[in-house]
Amino acid sequence: MCFEKKITRSPTKTICLASSFIVFWADLQQKGHRDALVVGAEALKVTALNLHPHKATALTEMLEWCR
């Protein structure tokens, strides 16, 4: 799967990448909407990492590097 020129084959990685893009996009929104988007994106990421805990460490490190 290719998402914003980032190639991934892992569903967990795809969800985490989508979460990071939602947080980025949230900065362009009004304050109330921004907060809701950030909370939702974090919930999405946490759920994906809880479903696949063996990938959590590598994906968390990747997402921290992207920020």
Protein backbone atom coordinates (compact mmCIF):
# COMPACT_ATOMS: atom_id res chain seq x y z
CA MET A 1 0.00 0.00 0.00
CA CYS A 2 1.26 3.47 -0.82
CA PHE A 3 0.10 6.40 1.28
CA GLU A 4 1.58 9.83 0.59
CA LYS A 5 4.57 8.20 -1.14
CA LYS A 6 5.20 5.96 1.89
CA ILE A 7 5.03 2.26 1.03
CA THR A 8 3.74 -0.12 3.68
CA ARG A 9 2.46 -3.68 3.73
CA SER A 10 1.47 -3.74 7.39
CA PRO A 11 -2.12 -2.80 8.32
CA THR A 12 -0.88 -1.60 11.72
CA LYS A 13 1.71 0.66 10.12
CA THR A 14 -0.94 2.00 7.71
CA ILE A 15 -3.23 2.90 10.61
CA CYS A 16 -0.39 4.55 12.52
CA LEU A 17 0.62 6.56 9.46
CA ALA A 18 -2.99 7.64 8.95
CA SER A 19 -3.11 8.67 12.61
CA SER A 20 -0.02 10.85 12.21
CA PHE A 21 -1.49 12.51 9.11
CA ILE A 22 -4.75 13.19 10.97
CA VAL A 23 -2.77 14.93 13.75
CA PHE A 24 -0.93 16.99 11.13
CA TRP A 25 -4.20 17.89 9.41
CA ALA A 26 -5.78 18.76 12.77
CA ASP A 27 -3.38 21.70 13.11
CA LEU A 28 -5.18 23.31 10.17
CA GLN A 29 -8.58 23.13 11.89
CA GLN A 30 -10.35 25.33 14.44
CA LYS A 31 -9.51 24.76 18.11
CA GLY A 32 -12.57 22.64 19.01
CA HIS A 33 -12.26 20.45 15.94
CA ARG A 34 -8.49 20.21 16.36
CA ASP A 35 -8.78 18.78 19.86
CA ALA A 36 -11.36 16.18 18.79
CA LEU A 37 -9.22 15.10 15.81
CA VAL A 38 -6.09 14.73 17.94
CA VAL A 39 -7.95 12.66 20.54
CA GLY A 40 -9.48 10.48 17.83
CA ALA A 41 -6.15 9.99 16.06
CA GLU A 42 -4.49 8.98 19.31
CA ALA A 43 -7.31 6.52 20.07
CA LEU A 44 -6.93 5.04 16.58
CA LYS A 45 -3.18 4.59 17.04
CA VAL A 46 -3.50 3.10 20.55
CA THR A 47 -6.14 0.63 19.37
CA ALA A 48 -4.01 -0.52 16.44
CA LEU A 49 -0.96 -0.97 18.66
CA ASN A 50 -3.00 -2.88 21.25
CA LEU A 51 -4.21 -5.29 18.56
CA HIS A 52 -0.64 -5.91 17.40
CA PRO A 53 1.58 -5.37 20.46
CA HIS A 54 4.61 -7.07 18.89
CA LYS A 55 4.83 -4.19 16.40
CA ALA A 56 4.24 -1.44 18.94
CA THR A 57 7.88 -0.64 19.76
CA ALA A 58 9.11 -0.30 16.17
CA LEU A 59 6.06 1.69 15.06
CA THR A 60 6.19 4.00 18.06
CA GLU A 61 9.85 4.75 17.36
CA MET A 62 9.05 5.39 13.68
CA LEU A 63 6.21 7.78 14.54
CA GLU A 64 8.35 9.69 17.05
CA TRP A 65 11.04 10.09 14.39
CA CYS A 66 8.45 11.46 11.93
CA ARG A 67 7.32 14.22 14.29
